[in-house]
Amino acid sequence: MGFPSESELKKVRNKLRKTQGTLILGPNPTPLQKFRWDICQKFVVYKQRHDITLEEMAEILGTDKAKVSKILRHRIESFSTDRLLTMLQILYPETKLKVAWT
């Protein structure tokens, strides 16, 4: 198997330009950014452990699959932290929050 042709690479690049991948944390995230990112990771873990589709997860959460997709890709600018925590508690009812100083 050789390296893809230039035309194949062009097709892939065009397709990737139209997609939004998963966001990662920057080099110096604030505590809130880290907290919200960690919440999203809990959604990812739940989906993987339960081997469910976006549609199934959306049904569990009482929302649409586009919103679930955004959470799973950490694209949560339009979600309040409170809303994320409310949905998280649907998946993990035993969730408790603590504030700690280090």
Protein backbone atom coordinates (compact mmCIF):
# COMPACT_ATOMS: atom_id res chain seq x y z
CA MET A 1 0.00 0.00 0.00
CA GLY A 2 1.55 3.28 -1.09
CA PHE A 3 1.02 6.87 -0.09
CA PRO A 4 -2.38 8.26 -1.23
CA SER A 5 -2.50 10.21 -4.46
CA GLU A 6 -2.81 13.98 -4.44
CA SER A 7 -6.46 13.75 -5.56
CA GLU A 8 -7.27 11.36 -2.68
CA LEU A 9 -5.54 13.69 -0.23
CA LYS A 10 -7.50 16.64 -1.62
CA LYS A 11 -10.80 14.77 -1.06
CA VAL A 12 -9.85 13.98 2.53
CA ARG A 13 -8.77 17.59 3.22
CA ASN A 14 -12.04 18.92 1.82
CA LYS A 15 -14.05 16.51 3.95
CA LEU A 16 -12.09 17.43 7.08
CA ARG A 17 -12.63 21.17 6.50
CA LYS A 18 -16.37 20.59 6.85
CA THR A 19 -16.14 18.71 10.15
CA GLN A 20 -15.62 19.79 13.71
CA GLY A 21 -13.41 17.51 15.74
CA THR A 22 -13.11 17.17 19.49
CA LEU A 23 -11.74 20.18 21.31
CA ILE A 24 -8.87 19.75 23.74
CA LEU A 25 -7.81 21.88 26.65
CA GLY A 26 -5.29 24.60 25.96
CA PRO A 27 -1.93 24.71 27.70
CA ASN A 28 -3.18 26.75 30.71
CA PRO A 29 -6.88 26.04 31.29
CA THR A 30 -8.74 27.82 34.04
CA PRO A 31 -10.20 25.68 36.82
CA LEU A 32 -13.66 26.15 35.28
CA GLN A 33 -12.48 25.10 31.82
CA LYS A 34 -10.87 21.99 33.31
CA PHE A 35 -14.01 21.21 35.33
CA ARG A 36 -16.27 21.51 32.27
CA TRP A 37 -13.86 19.41 30.19
CA ASP A 38 -13.88 16.73 32.90
CA ILE A 39 -17.69 16.70 32.84
CA CYS A 40 -17.62 16.06 29.08
CA GLN A 41 -15.22 13.19 29.62
CA LYS A 42 -17.77 11.55 31.92
CA PHE A 43 -20.28 11.60 29.04
CA VAL A 44 -17.70 10.02 26.71
CA VAL A 45 -16.93 7.28 29.25
CA TYR A 46 -20.64 6.56 29.77
CA LYS A 47 -21.26 6.20 26.04
CA GLN A 48 -18.30 3.88 25.62
CA ARG A 49 -19.02 1.72 28.66
CA HIS A 50 -22.66 1.28 27.73
CA ASP A 51 -21.95 0.91 24.00
CA ILE A 52 -24.87 3.11 23.01
CA THR A 53 -25.59 5.29 20.00
CA LEU A 54 -25.99 9.07 19.99
CA GLU A 55 -29.73 8.55 19.56
CA GLU A 56 -29.91 6.27 22.60
CA MET A 57 -27.89 8.66 24.73
CA ALA A 58 -30.03 11.61 23.60
CA GLU A 59 -33.17 9.68 24.59
CA ILE A 60 -31.73 8.93 28.04
CA LEU A 61 -30.83 12.60 28.51
CA GLY A 62 -34.10 13.93 27.09
CA THR A 63 -32.40 16.01 24.42
CA ASP A 64 -31.50 15.72 20.75
CA LYS A 65 -28.50 13.92 19.30
CA ALA A 66 -26.90 17.15 18.01
CA LYS A 67 -26.54 18.39 21.59
CA VAL A 68 -25.13 15.07 22.74
CA SER A 69 -22.66 15.16 19.86
CA LYS A 70 -21.50 18.61 20.95
CA ILE A 71 -20.96 17.44 24.51
CA LEU A 72 -19.03 14.36 23.39
CA ARG A 73 -16.76 16.58 21.25
CA HIS A 74 -16.31 19.12 24.08
CA ARG A 75 -18.01 21.85 22.05
CA ILE A 76 -19.97 23.19 24.98
CA GLU A 77 -19.83 26.96 24.58
CA SER A 78 -23.64 27.13 24.49
CA PHE A 79 -24.11 24.93 27.59
CA SER A 80 -24.12 26.31 31.10
CA THR A 81 -22.20 24.39 33.71
CA ASP A 82 -25.47 23.88 35.57
CA ARG A 83 -27.06 22.31 32.50
CA LEU A 84 -24.09 19.98 32.00
CA LEU A 85 -24.26 18.91 35.65
CA THR A 86 -28.01 18.32 35.43
CA MET A 87 -27.52 16.01 32.45
CA LEU A 88 -24.54 14.33 34.11
CA GLN A 89 -26.73 13.44 37.09
CA ILE A 90 -29.12 11.64 34.76
CA LEU A 91 -26.28 9.36 33.72
CA TYR A 92 -24.64 9.17 37.14
CA PRO A 93 -27.34 9.75 39.80
CA GLU A 94 -24.79 9.23 42.59
CA THR A 95 -22.81 12.30 41.47
CA LYS A 96 -21.82 14.57 44.36
CA LEU A 97 -19.90 17.82 44.11
CA LYS A 98 -17.26 18.95 46.58
CA VAL A 99 -15.11 22.02 46.74
CA ALA A 100 -11.58 21.46 47.99
CA TRP A 101 -8.62 23.74 48.50
CA THR A 102 -5.15 22.56 47.70
